[in-house]
């Protein structure tokens, strides 16, 4: 115990010295750091952010310090910004000064070659390859497969109590695997799911790679996941079939020259980006539709209108463009729920920002949630009202997929799979929420209480 006490005291002293010297270093431009607190050594204010409604954390900080303040979360010294103009400056206008990044735990789990962590030519190439795999021409070809996955997912939930979020994670994971691998993942689907399930548990853990820690278990799963991806790559190369239009085919083109490590890092990154966030959005939509019968009726009537005259034929790309009411429901859900409260950037040099210094290496977090919930941008912001999107929102006030060169390249696929699922959900099923739903869980995504338990029955 004495050793532990001495070690902790020494660690605290080093951390305090580290923060002090960082502040002094920043003073070379004779500018103050933004106001705010850094919390405990190393841990910072991580628990305060992730253990409660982030609206409370952000609102209390903005009220005390203004629209720009410093904090310390997930082992990172951060500056948080909460105005549309500032978000545009970081993400678009001056994006070259703020590289995309994540906390160390996520960077090591996803892989340093993933698209999220790069700028310049390498990032541009990766973004082009991802966008090519998710163009309308490419996505059109898998609509029947997405529809089949949606139908099977809903059928498996019939007449039983289900956790909506967990069921939708399975749905979105299967769609992600389809869009990445086509049919090549069938042999390895169970192993991919098992490894990724372990990996995701450590995404927001402290990067302490000691036996028994979440981070250690996640890194082992990450290694096994890379081995499975290597087998799939070998299988694809040995099959010598014609060039495939899925994401793996796009990454594997000879002229692109990506290494197997780069391909693996980016595939794991795409799964990360495609799974939980989309599943969270669908979960919130199910909740909001249940709580707003008039909106549910309007969506149902729109979807039933699409069904007329189809003679049980599947949905087409054209059909998905005839769903304006349903699309507005998705937009409003993205705004109200704000699944991603913020995004991470990192200052690549000392930056003067609104009279303050942001030191090189500090993280900069545009607060999407604050912007989406500001009454200046959206009147009565806590109310679920899809009709507000009948008029385009003010510039830089609605950024559910980010903004600028690093905005989510798979957002069209995400919208498509949600539309397909909602078509079958609203035209074929009734559902009711089970238990109280007056709380929200934040770990790390905003989710309805207990993942939204529901019962689903056929109409």
Foldseek 3Di string as FASTA:
>chain_A
DVVVVVVVVVQQVVQVVVVVVLQVVLCVVVFHAAADFACGRQAKCACVCAFADVCVVVVVCCVVRNQWHWTHHLRFTEIEGEDLVVQCCCFAVVVVQWAFDDRPLQPLLLDVLALRGDDDPSNVLLLVLQLQLQPCVNVQVCQVVLLVLLVVLQVVQAFDKDQQLVSQLVSQLVVLCCQAQNCLCVVPVVLLVVLVVLQVVCNSPRCDCDPPDSSVSNSVSSVVNLVVLVVSVVVVVVVPDPQDSGSNSSQPPVVSPDDSSSSSSHSSVSSVVRGNLLSQLLLLLVVVCQVPVVLLVVQLVQLVVLVPPPVPDDDGPVSLVSRVSVVLSSQLSCLQQVQPQWGWIFRCAWDQDPRHTDHGGHIYIYGLNSLSQDCVFPNPSNDRDSVVPVDPTDPSSRQSQRDHPPGDSNVVVSSSSSSSSSSCQSNWKDKDFDDDFPDWRPPPTTHTPSSTIMHIHTD
